[in-house]
């Protein structure tokens, strides 16, 4: 397979059209090779515009979503980052290349072990993989400058705001299928400002807190 051509096609046909124009992020996609983080059975689909199976009820993000989120959290190299839901480790790898330190927490021990192997093989040393349920946050290393949640929440995860440092940013996907919004929350002066970036649908976190719902 011609990976270079496939990567070029991915960037030009999937990622740029999704408003990912930051040159640092686009160049990073050639440095951190997504196919190296995908299981052998799905490796040839690694650069295709689709989610790929990870485990029962779990899938990767699509490449365009991964790149867009990395762009939107606007890392400068100084940040301490929390990623909730490690998956393959690829998003953590991208974040690690642009941040000071990344802590990524995965509830599935087998996925966590695989992700750690992928990150080590890629030579990425500033990403720490831990096993646990971080759906409500992971105060162990907080506060964080950036939090990225890879599953969705039914409503804004306000319980994560307290784990953000002043000026910190949280990316989360909020809503119920089929209406979910990729949202950037920014902590400013003790308050939090939410900006809806795009519509998408991803699987909810298994243990995401549920709001009270009306029953008719």
N, C-alpha and C. Protein backbone atom coordinates (compact mmCIF):
# COMPACT_ATOMS: atom_id res chain seq x y z
N UNK A 1 0.85 -1.20 0.00
CA UNK A 1 0.00 0.00 0.00
C UNK A 1 0.88 1.25 0.00
N UNK A 2 0.51 2.25 -0.77
CA UNK A 2 1.25 3.51 -0.82
C UNK A 2 0.72 4.43 0.28
N UNK A 3 1.35 4.34 1.45
CA UNK A 3 0.87 5.10 2.61
C UNK A 3 1.01 6.60 2.40
N UNK A 4 2.07 7.03 1.74
CA UNK A 4 2.25 8.47 1.51
C UNK A 4 1.12 9.04 0.67
N UNK A 5 0.74 8.33 -0.38
CA UNK A 5 -0.36 8.79 -1.21
C UNK A 5 -1.68 8.76 -0.45
N UNK A 6 -1.88 7.69 0.32
CA UNK A 6 -3.10 7.58 1.11
C UNK A 6 -3.19 8.70 2.14
N UNK A 7 -2.04 9.06 2.73
CA UNK A 7 -2.03 10.14 3.72
C UNK A 7 -2.32 11.49 3.06
N UNK A 8 -1.75 11.69 1.88
CA UNK A 8 -2.03 12.92 1.13
C UNK A 8 -3.52 13.03 0.83
N UNK A 9 -4.11 11.93 0.38
CA UNK A 9 -5.53 11.92 0.09
C UNK A 9 -6.36 12.20 1.34
N UNK A 10 -5.96 11.61 2.46
CA UNK A 10 -6.66 11.82 3.72
C UNK A 10 -6.67 13.31 4.09
N UNK A 11 -5.52 13.94 3.99
CA UNK A 11 -5.41 15.35 4.36
C UNK A 11 -6.22 16.23 3.41
N UNK A 12 -6.07 16.00 2.11
CA UNK A 12 -6.69 16.89 1.13
C UNK A 12 -8.19 16.66 0.97
N UNK A 13 -8.64 15.41 1.14
CA UNK A 13 -10.04 15.09 0.87
C UNK A 13 -10.90 15.01 2.13
N UNK A 14 -10.29 14.74 3.26
CA UNK A 14 -11.06 14.60 4.50
C UNK A 14 -10.80 15.75 5.47
N UNK A 15 -9.53 16.03 5.70
CA UNK A 15 -9.17 16.86 6.85
C UNK A 15 -9.21 18.35 6.53
N UNK A 16 -8.61 18.79 5.46
CA UNK A 16 -8.71 20.21 5.09
C UNK A 16 -10.17 20.65 4.89
N UNK A 17 -11.00 19.86 4.19
CA UNK A 17 -12.40 20.28 4.02
C UNK A 17 -13.16 20.40 5.34
N UNK A 18 -12.62 19.84 6.41
CA UNK A 18 -13.27 19.94 7.72
C UNK A 18 -12.67 21.09 8.53
N UNK A 19 -12.14 22.08 7.82
CA UNK A 19 -11.61 23.31 8.42
C UNK A 19 -10.39 23.08 9.31
N UNK A 20 -9.61 22.06 8.99
CA UNK A 20 -8.33 21.88 9.67
C UNK A 20 -7.26 22.46 8.75
N UNK A 21 -6.81 23.67 9.08
CA UNK A 21 -5.90 24.41 8.20
C UNK A 21 -4.60 24.77 8.90
N UNK A 22 -4.49 24.47 10.17
CA UNK A 22 -3.27 24.77 10.92
C UNK A 22 -2.12 23.91 10.39
N UNK A 23 -1.08 24.55 9.90
CA UNK A 23 0.01 23.81 9.25
C UNK A 23 0.74 22.90 10.23
N UNK A 24 0.85 23.32 11.48
CA UNK A 24 1.52 22.47 12.47
C UNK A 24 0.77 21.15 12.64
N UNK A 25 -0.54 21.24 12.72
CA UNK A 25 -1.36 20.03 12.88
C UNK A 25 -1.29 19.18 11.61
N UNK A 26 -1.39 19.79 10.46
CA UNK A 26 -1.35 19.03 9.21
C UNK A 26 -0.01 18.32 9.03
N UNK A 27 1.07 19.01 9.37
CA UNK A 27 2.39 18.39 9.25
C UNK A 27 2.57 17.25 10.25
N UNK A 28 1.94 17.40 11.41
CA UNK A 28 2.05 16.37 12.45
C UNK A 28 1.46 15.05 11.99
N UNK A 29 0.49 15.10 11.11
CA UNK A 29 -0.15 13.88 10.63
C UNK A 29 0.81 13.00 9.83
N UNK A 30 1.86 13.60 9.31
CA UNK A 30 2.88 12.83 8.60
C UNK A 30 3.98 12.34 9.53
N UNK A 31 4.05 12.94 10.72
CA UNK A 31 5.07 12.56 11.70
C UNK A 31 4.57 11.41 12.57
N UNK A 32 3.34 11.56 13.06
CA UNK A 32 2.72 10.50 13.86
C UNK A 32 1.80 9.72 12.94
N UNK A 33 2.21 8.55 12.57
CA UNK A 33 1.52 7.77 11.53
C UNK A 33 0.36 6.98 12.13
N UNK A 34 -0.83 7.33 11.70
CA UNK A 34 -2.03 6.74 12.28
C UNK A 34 -2.07 5.22 12.12
N UNK A 35 -1.57 4.72 11.00
CA UNK A 35 -1.64 3.28 10.75
C UNK A 35 -0.86 2.48 11.78
N UNK A 36 0.13 3.12 12.43
CA UNK A 36 0.91 2.42 13.43
C UNK A 36 0.16 2.24 14.75
N UNK A 37 -1.00 2.88 14.87
CA UNK A 37 -1.79 2.80 16.09
C UNK A 37 -3.05 1.95 15.90
N UNK A 38 -3.24 1.43 14.70
CA UNK A 38 -4.44 0.65 14.38
C UNK A 38 -4.09 -0.84 14.35
N UNK A 39 -5.00 -1.67 14.83
CA UNK A 39 -4.76 -3.11 14.86
C UNK A 39 -4.51 -3.64 13.45
N UNK A 40 -3.77 -4.74 13.36
CA UNK A 40 -3.38 -5.29 12.07
C UNK A 40 -4.58 -5.61 11.19
N UNK A 41 -5.67 -6.06 11.79
CA UNK A 41 -6.84 -6.47 11.01
C UNK A 41 -7.52 -5.28 10.33
N UNK A 42 -7.35 -4.08 10.88
CA UNK A 42 -7.97 -2.90 10.28
C UNK A 42 -6.95 -1.90 9.75
N UNK A 43 -5.69 -2.28 9.72
CA UNK A 43 -4.62 -1.31 9.42
C UNK A 43 -4.78 -0.66 8.05
N UNK A 44 -5.19 -1.43 7.05
CA UNK A 44 -5.31 -0.86 5.71
C UNK A 44 -6.45 0.16 5.60
N UNK A 45 -7.30 0.23 6.63
CA UNK A 45 -8.39 1.21 6.67
C UNK A 45 -8.04 2.41 7.53
N UNK A 46 -6.80 2.47 7.99
CA UNK A 46 -6.42 3.46 8.99
C UNK A 46 -6.60 4.90 8.53
N UNK A 47 -6.49 5.16 7.24
CA UNK A 47 -6.55 6.53 6.74
C UNK A 47 -7.86 6.82 6.01
N UNK A 48 -8.83 5.93 6.17
CA UNK A 48 -10.13 6.08 5.54
C UNK A 48 -11.04 6.90 6.45
N UNK A 49 -11.98 7.63 5.85
CA UNK A 49 -12.88 8.50 6.60
C UNK A 49 -13.98 7.69 7.27
N UNK A 50 -13.62 7.01 8.37
CA UNK A 50 -14.59 6.19 9.09
C UNK A 50 -14.07 5.88 10.48
N UNK A 51 -15.01 5.51 11.35
CA UNK A 51 -14.62 4.99 12.66
C UNK A 51 -14.24 3.52 12.51
N UNK A 52 -13.29 3.07 13.33
CA UNK A 52 -12.86 1.67 13.27
C UNK A 52 -13.12 1.00 14.61
N UNK A 53 -13.48 -0.29 14.60
CA UNK A 53 -13.77 -0.99 15.86
C UNK A 53 -12.54 -1.07 16.77
N UNK A 54 -12.80 -0.90 18.07
CA UNK A 54 -11.75 -1.02 19.08
C UNK A 54 -12.03 -2.20 20.02
N UNK A 55 -13.23 -2.18 20.56
CA UNK A 55 -13.67 -3.19 21.53
C UNK A 55 -15.20 -3.15 21.50
N UNK A 56 -15.87 -4.09 22.14
CA UNK A 56 -17.33 -4.04 22.14
C UNK A 56 -17.87 -2.68 22.59
N UNK A 57 -18.66 -2.06 21.71
CA UNK A 57 -19.22 -0.76 22.02
C UNK A 57 -18.27 0.41 21.87
N UNK A 58 -17.09 0.16 21.38
CA UNK A 58 -16.07 1.21 21.27
C UNK A 58 -15.55 1.30 19.84
N UNK A 59 -15.35 2.52 19.38
CA UNK A 59 -14.75 2.76 18.07
C UNK A 59 -13.78 3.91 18.16
N UNK A 60 -12.88 3.99 17.19
CA UNK A 60 -12.00 5.15 17.10
C UNK A 60 -12.82 6.35 16.61
N UNK A 61 -12.27 7.54 16.78
CA UNK A 61 -12.79 8.69 16.05
C UNK A 61 -12.36 8.56 14.59
N UNK A 62 -13.00 9.30 13.72
CA UNK A 62 -12.54 9.39 12.33
C UNK A 62 -11.31 10.29 12.29
N UNK A 63 -10.44 10.14 11.29
CA UNK A 63 -9.24 10.98 11.21
C UNK A 63 -9.54 12.48 11.21
N UNK A 64 -10.61 12.89 10.54
CA UNK A 64 -10.90 14.33 10.47
C UNK A 64 -11.31 14.87 11.83
N UNK A 65 -12.02 14.08 12.62
CA UNK A 65 -12.41 14.52 13.95
C UNK A 65 -11.19 14.64 14.86
N UNK A 66 -10.29 13.66 14.77
CA UNK A 66 -9.07 13.71 15.58
C UNK A 66 -8.28 14.98 15.28
N UNK A 67 -8.06 15.24 14.00
CA UNK A 67 -7.26 16.41 13.61
C UNK A 67 -7.95 17.71 14.01
N UNK A 68 -9.26 17.78 13.83
CA UNK A 68 -9.99 19.01 14.16
C UNK A 68 -9.90 19.32 15.65
N UNK A 69 -10.06 18.31 16.47
CA UNK A 69 -10.01 18.53 17.92
C UNK A 69 -8.62 18.96 18.36
N UNK A 70 -7.60 18.33 17.82
CA UNK A 70 -6.23 18.74 18.16
C UNK A 70 -5.99 20.19 17.77
N UNK A 71 -6.52 20.60 16.63
CA UNK A 71 -6.40 21.99 16.23
C UNK A 71 -7.15 22.92 17.19
N UNK A 72 -8.36 22.55 17.56
CA UNK A 72 -9.22 23.45 18.34
C UNK A 72 -8.73 23.67 19.76
N UNK A 73 -8.02 22.72 20.35
CA UNK A 73 -7.54 22.94 21.73
C UNK A 73 -6.28 23.79 21.76
N UNK A 74 -5.72 24.09 20.60
CA UNK A 74 -4.68 25.12 20.43
C UNK A 74 -3.53 25.00 21.43
N UNK A 75 -2.82 23.90 21.36
CA UNK A 75 -1.69 23.66 22.27
C UNK A 75 -0.47 24.48 21.87
N UNK A 76 0.27 24.90 22.88
CA UNK A 76 1.46 25.74 22.65
C UNK A 76 2.75 25.10 23.11
N UNK A 77 2.66 23.91 23.72
CA UNK A 77 3.86 23.26 24.22
C UNK A 77 4.05 23.40 25.72
N UNK A 78 3.18 24.13 26.38
CA UNK A 78 3.32 24.38 27.82
C UNK A 78 2.26 23.65 28.65
N UNK A 79 1.30 23.03 27.99
CA UNK A 79 0.11 22.54 28.69
C UNK A 79 0.28 21.16 29.32
N UNK A 80 -0.46 21.00 30.44
CA UNK A 80 -0.71 19.68 31.04
C UNK A 80 -2.10 19.27 30.56
N UNK A 81 -2.18 18.11 29.93
CA UNK A 81 -3.41 17.69 29.24
C UNK A 81 -3.94 16.41 29.86
N UNK A 82 -5.26 16.34 30.01
CA UNK A 82 -5.93 15.09 30.37
C UNK A 82 -6.75 14.64 29.18
N UNK A 83 -6.57 13.39 28.77
CA UNK A 83 -7.44 12.78 27.78
C UNK A 83 -8.27 11.71 28.47
N UNK A 84 -9.59 11.77 28.30
CA UNK A 84 -10.49 10.79 28.89
C UNK A 84 -10.88 9.80 27.81
N UNK A 85 -10.38 8.58 27.92
CA UNK A 85 -10.63 7.56 26.90
C UNK A 85 -9.49 7.49 25.91
N UNK A 86 -8.55 6.59 26.14
CA UNK A 86 -7.31 6.53 25.35
C UNK A 86 -7.50 5.89 23.99
N UNK A 87 -8.32 4.83 23.94
CA UNK A 87 -8.49 4.12 22.67
C UNK A 87 -7.18 3.55 22.17
N UNK A 88 -6.81 3.89 20.96
CA UNK A 88 -5.57 3.37 20.37
C UNK A 88 -4.32 4.08 20.88
N UNK A 89 -4.48 5.26 21.44
CA UNK A 89 -3.34 6.08 21.84
C UNK A 89 -2.95 7.12 20.82
N UNK A 90 -3.61 7.11 19.65
CA UNK A 90 -3.22 8.02 18.57
C UNK A 90 -3.49 9.48 18.91
N UNK A 91 -4.67 9.78 19.42
CA UNK A 91 -4.97 11.16 19.78
C UNK A 91 -4.03 11.63 20.87
N UNK A 92 -3.76 10.77 21.84
CA UNK A 92 -2.80 11.12 22.89
C UNK A 92 -1.43 11.42 22.30
N UNK A 93 -1.05 10.66 21.28
CA UNK A 93 0.24 10.88 20.62
C UNK A 93 0.28 12.26 19.96
N UNK A 94 -0.78 12.63 19.25
CA UNK A 94 -0.84 13.94 18.63
C UNK A 94 -0.77 15.04 19.68
N UNK A 95 -1.54 14.87 20.75
CA UNK A 95 -1.52 15.86 21.83
C UNK A 95 -0.14 15.93 22.47
N UNK A 96 0.50 14.77 22.64
CA UNK A 96 1.82 14.73 23.26
C UNK A 96 2.87 15.47 22.47
N UNK A 97 2.74 15.46 21.16
CA UNK A 97 3.70 16.16 20.31
C UNK A 97 3.59 17.68 20.44
N UNK A 98 2.45 18.16 20.94
CA UNK A 98 2.20 19.59 20.98
C UNK A 98 2.10 20.15 22.39
N UNK A 99 2.06 19.28 23.40
CA UNK A 99 1.88 19.71 24.79
C UNK A 99 3.13 19.36 25.61
N UNK A 100 3.14 19.84 26.85
CA UNK A 100 4.24 19.51 27.75
C UNK A 100 4.09 18.10 28.30
N UNK A 101 2.88 17.77 28.78
CA UNK A 101 2.63 16.46 29.38
C UNK A 101 1.18 16.08 29.16
N UNK A 102 0.97 14.82 28.82
CA UNK A 102 -0.38 14.29 28.62
C UNK A 102 -0.60 13.11 29.56
N UNK A 103 -1.73 13.14 30.26
CA UNK A 103 -2.19 11.99 31.04
C UNK A 103 -3.44 11.47 30.34
N UNK A 104 -3.42 10.22 29.94
CA UNK A 104 -4.57 9.65 29.25
C UNK A 104 -5.06 8.45 30.03
N UNK A 105 -6.37 8.40 30.25
CA UNK A 105 -6.96 7.39 31.13
C UNK A 105 -7.95 6.54 30.34
N UNK A 106 -7.77 5.23 30.42
CA UNK A 106 -8.58 4.27 29.65
C UNK A 106 -9.21 3.26 30.61
N UNK A 107 -10.51 3.05 30.48
CA UNK A 107 -11.21 2.12 31.37
C UNK A 107 -10.97 0.66 31.01
N UNK A 108 -10.63 0.39 29.76
CA UNK A 108 -10.38 -0.98 29.28
C UNK A 108 -8.89 -1.27 29.42
N UNK A 109 -8.55 -2.19 30.32
CA UNK A 109 -7.13 -2.46 30.61
C UNK A 109 -6.38 -2.96 29.39
N UNK A 110 -7.04 -3.78 28.55
CA UNK A 110 -6.37 -4.31 27.36
C UNK A 110 -6.06 -3.18 26.38
N UNK A 111 -7.02 -2.26 26.18
CA UNK A 111 -6.79 -1.13 25.29
C UNK A 111 -5.68 -0.23 25.84
N UNK A 112 -5.67 -0.03 27.15
CA UNK A 112 -4.64 0.80 27.77
C UNK A 112 -3.25 0.22 27.52
N UNK A 113 -3.12 -1.10 27.66
CA UNK A 113 -1.83 -1.75 27.44
C UNK A 113 -1.39 -1.62 25.99
N UNK A 114 -2.33 -1.81 25.06
CA UNK A 114 -2.00 -1.67 23.64
C UNK A 114 -1.59 -0.24 23.30
N UNK A 115 -2.32 0.73 23.86
CA UNK A 115 -2.00 2.12 23.59
C UNK A 115 -0.61 2.47 24.11
N UNK A 116 -0.27 1.96 25.29
CA UNK A 116 1.06 2.21 25.84
C UNK A 116 2.15 1.64 24.92
N UNK A 117 1.89 0.48 24.35
CA UNK A 117 2.84 -0.12 23.42
C UNK A 117 2.98 0.73 22.16
N UNK A 118 1.85 1.21 21.63
CA UNK A 118 1.89 2.06 20.44
C UNK A 118 2.69 3.34 20.69
N UNK A 119 2.46 3.95 21.84
CA UNK A 119 3.15 5.21 22.16
C UNK A 119 4.65 4.97 22.34
N UNK A 120 4.99 3.87 23.00
CA UNK A 120 6.41 3.57 23.18
C UNK A 120 7.09 3.31 21.84
N UNK A 121 6.41 2.58 20.95
CA UNK A 121 6.98 2.28 19.63
C UNK A 121 7.17 3.56 18.82
N UNK A 122 6.31 4.54 19.05
CA UNK A 122 6.42 5.82 18.34
C UNK A 122 7.43 6.77 18.99
N UNK A 123 8.01 6.33 20.10
CA UNK A 123 9.02 7.15 20.77
C UNK A 123 8.46 8.35 21.51
N UNK A 124 7.20 8.29 21.89
CA UNK A 124 6.56 9.42 22.58
C UNK A 124 6.65 9.17 24.09
N UNK A 125 7.38 10.03 24.78
CA UNK A 125 7.72 9.78 26.17
C UNK A 125 6.98 10.68 27.16
N UNK A 126 6.24 11.66 26.66
CA UNK A 126 5.56 12.58 27.59
C UNK A 126 4.07 12.30 27.70
N UNK A 127 3.68 11.06 27.37
CA UNK A 127 2.29 10.63 27.54
C UNK A 127 2.26 9.49 28.54
N UNK A 128 1.49 9.67 29.61
CA UNK A 128 1.34 8.66 30.64
C UNK A 128 -0.03 8.01 30.49
N UNK A 129 -0.04 6.68 30.30
CA UNK A 129 -1.29 5.94 30.16
C UNK A 129 -1.65 5.33 31.51
N UNK A 130 -2.86 5.60 31.97
CA UNK A 130 -3.33 5.03 33.22
C UNK A 130 -4.67 4.33 32.99
N UNK A 131 -4.97 3.35 33.82
CA UNK A 131 -6.20 2.58 33.68
C UNK A 131 -7.19 2.99 34.76
N UNK A 132 -8.41 3.30 34.35
CA UNK A 132 -9.44 3.67 35.31
C UNK A 132 -10.60 4.33 34.59
N UNK A 133 -11.61 4.70 35.36
CA UNK A 133 -12.79 5.36 34.81
C UNK A 133 -12.68 6.85 35.10
N UNK A 134 -12.35 7.62 34.08
CA UNK A 134 -12.15 9.06 34.23
C UNK A 134 -13.31 9.86 33.67
N UNK A 135 -14.47 9.21 33.52
CA UNK A 135 -15.61 9.90 32.90
C UNK A 135 -16.02 11.14 33.70
N UNK A 136 -15.75 11.15 35.01
CA UNK A 136 -16.02 12.31 35.85
C UNK A 136 -14.75 13.14 36.11
N UNK A 137 -13.71 12.80 35.38
CA UNK A 137 -12.44 13.51 35.56
C UNK A 137 -11.40 12.63 36.23
N UNK A 138 -10.24 13.20 36.42
CA UNK A 138 -9.10 12.45 36.97
C UNK A 138 -8.25 13.46 37.75
N UNK A 139 -8.66 13.73 38.96
CA UNK A 139 -8.06 14.82 39.75
C UNK A 139 -6.62 14.55 40.15
N UNK A 140 -6.20 13.31 39.99
CA UNK A 140 -4.86 12.88 40.43
C UNK A 140 -3.75 13.81 39.97
N UNK A 141 -3.81 14.29 38.74
CA UNK A 141 -2.73 15.13 38.19
C UNK A 141 -3.20 16.56 37.91
N UNK A 142 -4.43 16.87 38.30
CA UNK A 142 -4.98 18.18 37.98
C UNK A 142 -4.42 19.29 38.86
N UNK A 143 -4.78 20.53 38.56
CA UNK A 143 -5.67 20.93 37.47
C UNK A 143 -4.95 20.86 36.11
N UNK A 144 -5.74 20.82 35.05
CA UNK A 144 -5.22 20.67 33.70
C UNK A 144 -5.46 21.94 32.88
N UNK A 145 -4.56 22.16 31.96
CA UNK A 145 -4.74 23.28 31.03
C UNK A 145 -5.70 22.91 29.91
N UNK A 146 -5.73 21.63 29.58
CA UNK A 146 -6.62 21.14 28.51
C UNK A 146 -7.15 19.77 28.91
N UNK A 147 -8.44 19.56 28.68
CA UNK A 147 -9.05 18.24 28.84
C UNK A 147 -9.73 17.89 27.52
N UNK A 148 -9.50 16.68 27.04
CA UNK A 148 -10.16 16.18 25.83
C UNK A 148 -10.91 14.91 26.19
N UNK A 149 -12.22 14.92 25.99
CA UNK A 149 -13.05 13.75 26.27
C UNK A 149 -13.41 13.09 24.95
N UNK A 150 -13.11 11.80 24.81
CA UNK A 150 -13.28 11.14 23.52
C UNK A 150 -14.63 10.43 23.36
N UNK A 151 -15.40 10.32 24.44
CA UNK A 151 -16.77 9.85 24.34
C UNK A 151 -17.70 11.05 24.45
N UNK A 152 -19.00 10.80 24.38
CA UNK A 152 -19.95 11.91 24.48
C UNK A 152 -20.67 11.91 25.83
N UNK A 153 -21.15 13.10 26.20
CA UNK A 153 -21.95 13.30 27.40
C UNK A 153 -23.34 13.78 26.99
N UNK A 154 -24.39 13.38 27.71
CA UNK A 154 -25.73 13.84 27.34
C UNK A 154 -25.93 15.33 27.54
N UNK A 155 -25.26 15.89 28.55
CA UNK A 155 -25.31 17.33 28.81
C UNK A 155 -23.89 17.80 29.13
N UNK A 156 -23.69 19.10 29.16
CA UNK A 156 -22.36 19.66 29.42
C UNK A 156 -21.79 19.08 30.72
N UNK A 157 -20.58 18.54 30.68
CA UNK A 157 -19.97 17.91 31.86
C UNK A 157 -19.37 18.96 32.81
N UNK A 158 -20.26 19.66 33.51
CA UNK A 158 -19.81 20.76 34.36
C UNK A 158 -18.88 20.29 35.48
N UNK A 159 -18.99 19.03 35.87
CA UNK A 159 -18.12 18.49 36.92
C UNK A 159 -16.66 18.49 36.50
N UNK A 160 -16.38 18.61 35.21
CA UNK A 160 -14.98 18.67 34.75
C UNK A 160 -14.41 20.07 34.85
N UNK A 161 -15.26 21.08 34.94
CA UNK A 161 -14.77 22.46 34.94
C UNK A 161 -13.82 22.73 36.10
N UNK A 162 -14.12 22.11 37.27
CA UNK A 162 -13.30 22.36 38.45
C UNK A 162 -11.90 21.77 38.31
N UNK A 163 -11.72 20.87 37.34
CA UNK A 163 -10.39 20.29 37.12
C UNK A 163 -9.59 21.06 36.07
N UNK A 164 -10.17 22.14 35.55
CA UNK A 164 -9.47 23.01 34.61
C UNK A 164 -8.76 24.12 35.36
N UNK A 165 -7.54 24.41 34.95
CA UNK A 165 -6.83 25.58 35.46
C UNK A 165 -7.46 26.84 34.87
N UNK A 166 -7.21 27.98 35.48
CA UNK A 166 -7.69 29.24 34.92
C UNK A 166 -7.14 29.40 33.49
N UNK A 167 -8.02 29.74 32.55
CA UNK A 167 -7.62 29.82 31.16
C UNK A 167 -7.65 28.49 30.44
N UNK A 168 -8.04 27.44 31.17
CA UNK A 168 -8.03 26.10 30.59
C UNK A 168 -9.15 25.87 29.60
N UNK A 169 -9.00 24.79 28.82
CA UNK A 169 -9.94 24.48 27.75
C UNK A 169 -10.35 23.01 27.84
N UNK A 170 -11.64 22.79 27.66
CA UNK A 170 -12.19 21.44 27.65
C UNK A 170 -12.91 21.21 26.33
N UNK A 171 -12.55 20.14 25.63
CA UNK A 171 -13.32 19.73 24.46
C UNK A 171 -14.17 18.54 24.86
N UNK A 172 -15.47 18.64 24.58
CA UNK A 172 -16.38 17.53 24.85
C UNK A 172 -17.47 17.52 23.79
N UNK A 173 -17.98 16.34 23.51
CA UNK A 173 -19.11 16.18 22.60
C UNK A 173 -20.35 16.00 23.46
N UNK A 174 -21.32 16.88 23.25
CA UNK A 174 -22.46 16.98 24.15
C UNK A 174 -23.77 16.76 23.38
N UNK A 175 -24.66 15.96 23.96
CA UNK A 175 -25.98 15.76 23.37
C UNK A 175 -26.32 14.28 23.26
N UNK A 176 -27.49 14.03 22.71
CA UNK A 176 -27.95 12.67 22.45
C UNK A 176 -28.06 12.47 20.94
N UNK A 177 -27.79 11.26 20.49
CA UNK A 177 -27.93 10.95 19.07
C UNK A 177 -29.36 11.21 18.62
N UNK A 178 -29.61 11.88 17.49
CA UNK A 178 -28.64 12.23 16.44
C UNK A 178 -28.13 13.67 16.53
N UNK A 179 -28.37 14.35 17.63
CA UNK A 179 -27.99 15.76 17.73
C UNK A 179 -26.92 15.95 18.80
N UNK A 180 -25.66 15.90 18.40
CA UNK A 180 -24.55 16.12 19.30
C UNK A 180 -23.68 17.24 18.75
N UNK A 181 -23.09 18.00 19.66
CA UNK A 181 -22.24 19.13 19.26
C UNK A 181 -20.85 18.99 19.86
N UNK A 182 -19.83 19.08 19.01
CA UNK A 182 -18.47 19.19 19.49
C UNK A 182 -18.30 20.59 20.06
N UNK A 183 -18.00 20.69 21.35
CA UNK A 183 -18.04 21.97 22.05
C UNK A 183 -16.73 22.24 22.77
N UNK A 184 -16.26 23.48 22.67
CA UNK A 184 -15.07 23.91 23.40
C UNK A 184 -15.51 24.79 24.55
N UNK A 185 -15.15 24.39 25.77
CA UNK A 185 -15.44 25.16 26.97
C UNK A 185 -14.15 25.83 27.42
N UNK A 186 -14.19 27.11 27.70
CA UNK A 186 -13.01 27.86 28.13
C UNK A 186 -13.29 28.52 29.47
N UNK A 187 -12.38 28.29 30.42
CA UNK A 187 -12.52 28.84 31.77
C UNK A 187 -11.85 30.20 31.84
N UNK A 188 -12.65 31.22 32.11
CA UNK A 188 -12.15 32.59 32.10
C UNK A 188 -12.72 33.35 33.28
N UNK A 189 -11.81 33.82 34.16
CA UNK A 189 -12.26 34.62 35.28
C UNK A 189 -13.25 33.93 36.18
N UNK A 190 -13.13 32.63 36.33
CA UNK A 190 -14.03 31.88 37.21
C UNK A 190 -15.30 31.41 36.54
N UNK A 191 -15.58 31.87 35.33
CA UNK A 191 -16.75 31.40 34.59
C UNK A 191 -16.28 30.57 33.39
N UNK A 192 -17.24 29.90 32.76
CA UNK A 192 -16.91 29.04 31.63
C UNK A 192 -17.74 29.45 30.43
N UNK A 193 -17.06 29.67 29.31
CA UNK A 193 -17.71 30.06 28.06
C UNK A 193 -17.71 28.85 27.13
N UNK A 194 -18.88 28.53 26.57
CA UNK A 194 -19.01 27.38 25.67
C UNK A 194 -19.16 27.85 24.23
N UNK A 195 -18.40 27.21 23.33
CA UNK A 195 -18.50 27.50 21.91
C UNK A 195 -18.77 26.21 21.16
N UNK A 196 -19.93 26.14 20.48
CA UNK A 196 -20.23 24.96 19.67
C UNK A 196 -19.45 25.05 18.37
N UNK A 197 -18.69 24.01 18.06
CA UNK A 197 -17.80 24.02 16.91
C UNK A 197 -18.39 23.31 15.69
N UNK A 198 -19.02 22.17 15.90
CA UNK A 198 -19.53 21.38 14.78
C UNK A 198 -20.49 20.32 15.31
N UNK A 199 -21.27 19.76 14.41
CA UNK A 199 -22.17 18.66 14.74
C UNK A 199 -21.47 17.34 14.43
N UNK A 200 -21.69 16.35 15.26
CA UNK A 200 -21.12 15.03 15.05
C UNK A 200 -21.88 14.04 15.91
N UNK A 201 -21.55 12.78 15.80
CA UNK A 201 -22.13 11.75 16.66
C UNK A 201 -21.03 10.76 17.02
N UNK A 202 -20.80 10.57 18.30
CA UNK A 202 -19.90 9.51 18.76
C UNK A 202 -20.58 8.78 19.92
N UNK A 203 -20.10 7.60 20.21
CA UNK A 203 -20.71 6.79 21.27
C UNK A 203 -20.57 7.48 22.62
N UNK A 204 -21.59 7.40 23.45
CA UNK A 204 -21.49 8.00 24.79
C UNK A 204 -20.58 7.19 25.69
N UNK A 205 -20.02 7.86 26.69
CA UNK A 205 -19.29 7.14 27.73
C UNK A 205 -20.26 6.21 28.44
N UNK A 206 -19.81 5.00 28.72
CA UNK A 206 -20.69 4.00 29.35
C UNK A 206 -21.22 4.48 30.69
N UNK A 207 -20.40 5.18 31.45
CA UNK A 207 -20.79 5.59 32.80
C UNK A 207 -21.04 7.09 32.90
N UNK A 208 -21.35 7.73 31.77
CA UNK A 208 -21.60 9.17 31.81
C UNK A 208 -22.80 9.48 32.70
N UNK A 209 -22.68 10.47 33.58
CA UNK A 209 -23.82 10.84 34.43
C UNK A 209 -25.01 11.24 33.57
N UNK A 210 -26.18 10.79 33.96
CA UNK A 210 -27.39 11.05 33.18
C UNK A 210 -28.25 12.11 33.86
N UNK A 211 -28.77 13.04 33.09
CA UNK A 211 -29.68 14.04 33.67
C UNK A 211 -31.04 13.43 33.93
N UNK A 212 -31.81 14.09 34.80
CA UNK A 212 -33.19 13.65 35.01
C UNK A 212 -33.95 13.83 33.70
N UNK A 213 -34.73 12.86 33.31
CA UNK A 213 -35.46 12.93 32.05
C UNK A 213 -36.96 12.79 32.32
N UNK A 214 -37.73 13.53 31.54
CA UNK A 214 -39.18 13.46 31.68
C UNK A 214 -39.69 12.12 31.14
N UNK A 215 -40.66 11.56 31.80
CA UNK A 215 -41.30 10.33 31.35
C UNK A 215 -42.75 10.65 31.07
N UNK A 216 -43.18 10.35 29.85
CA UNK A 216 -44.56 10.66 29.47
C UNK A 216 -45.42 9.39 29.56
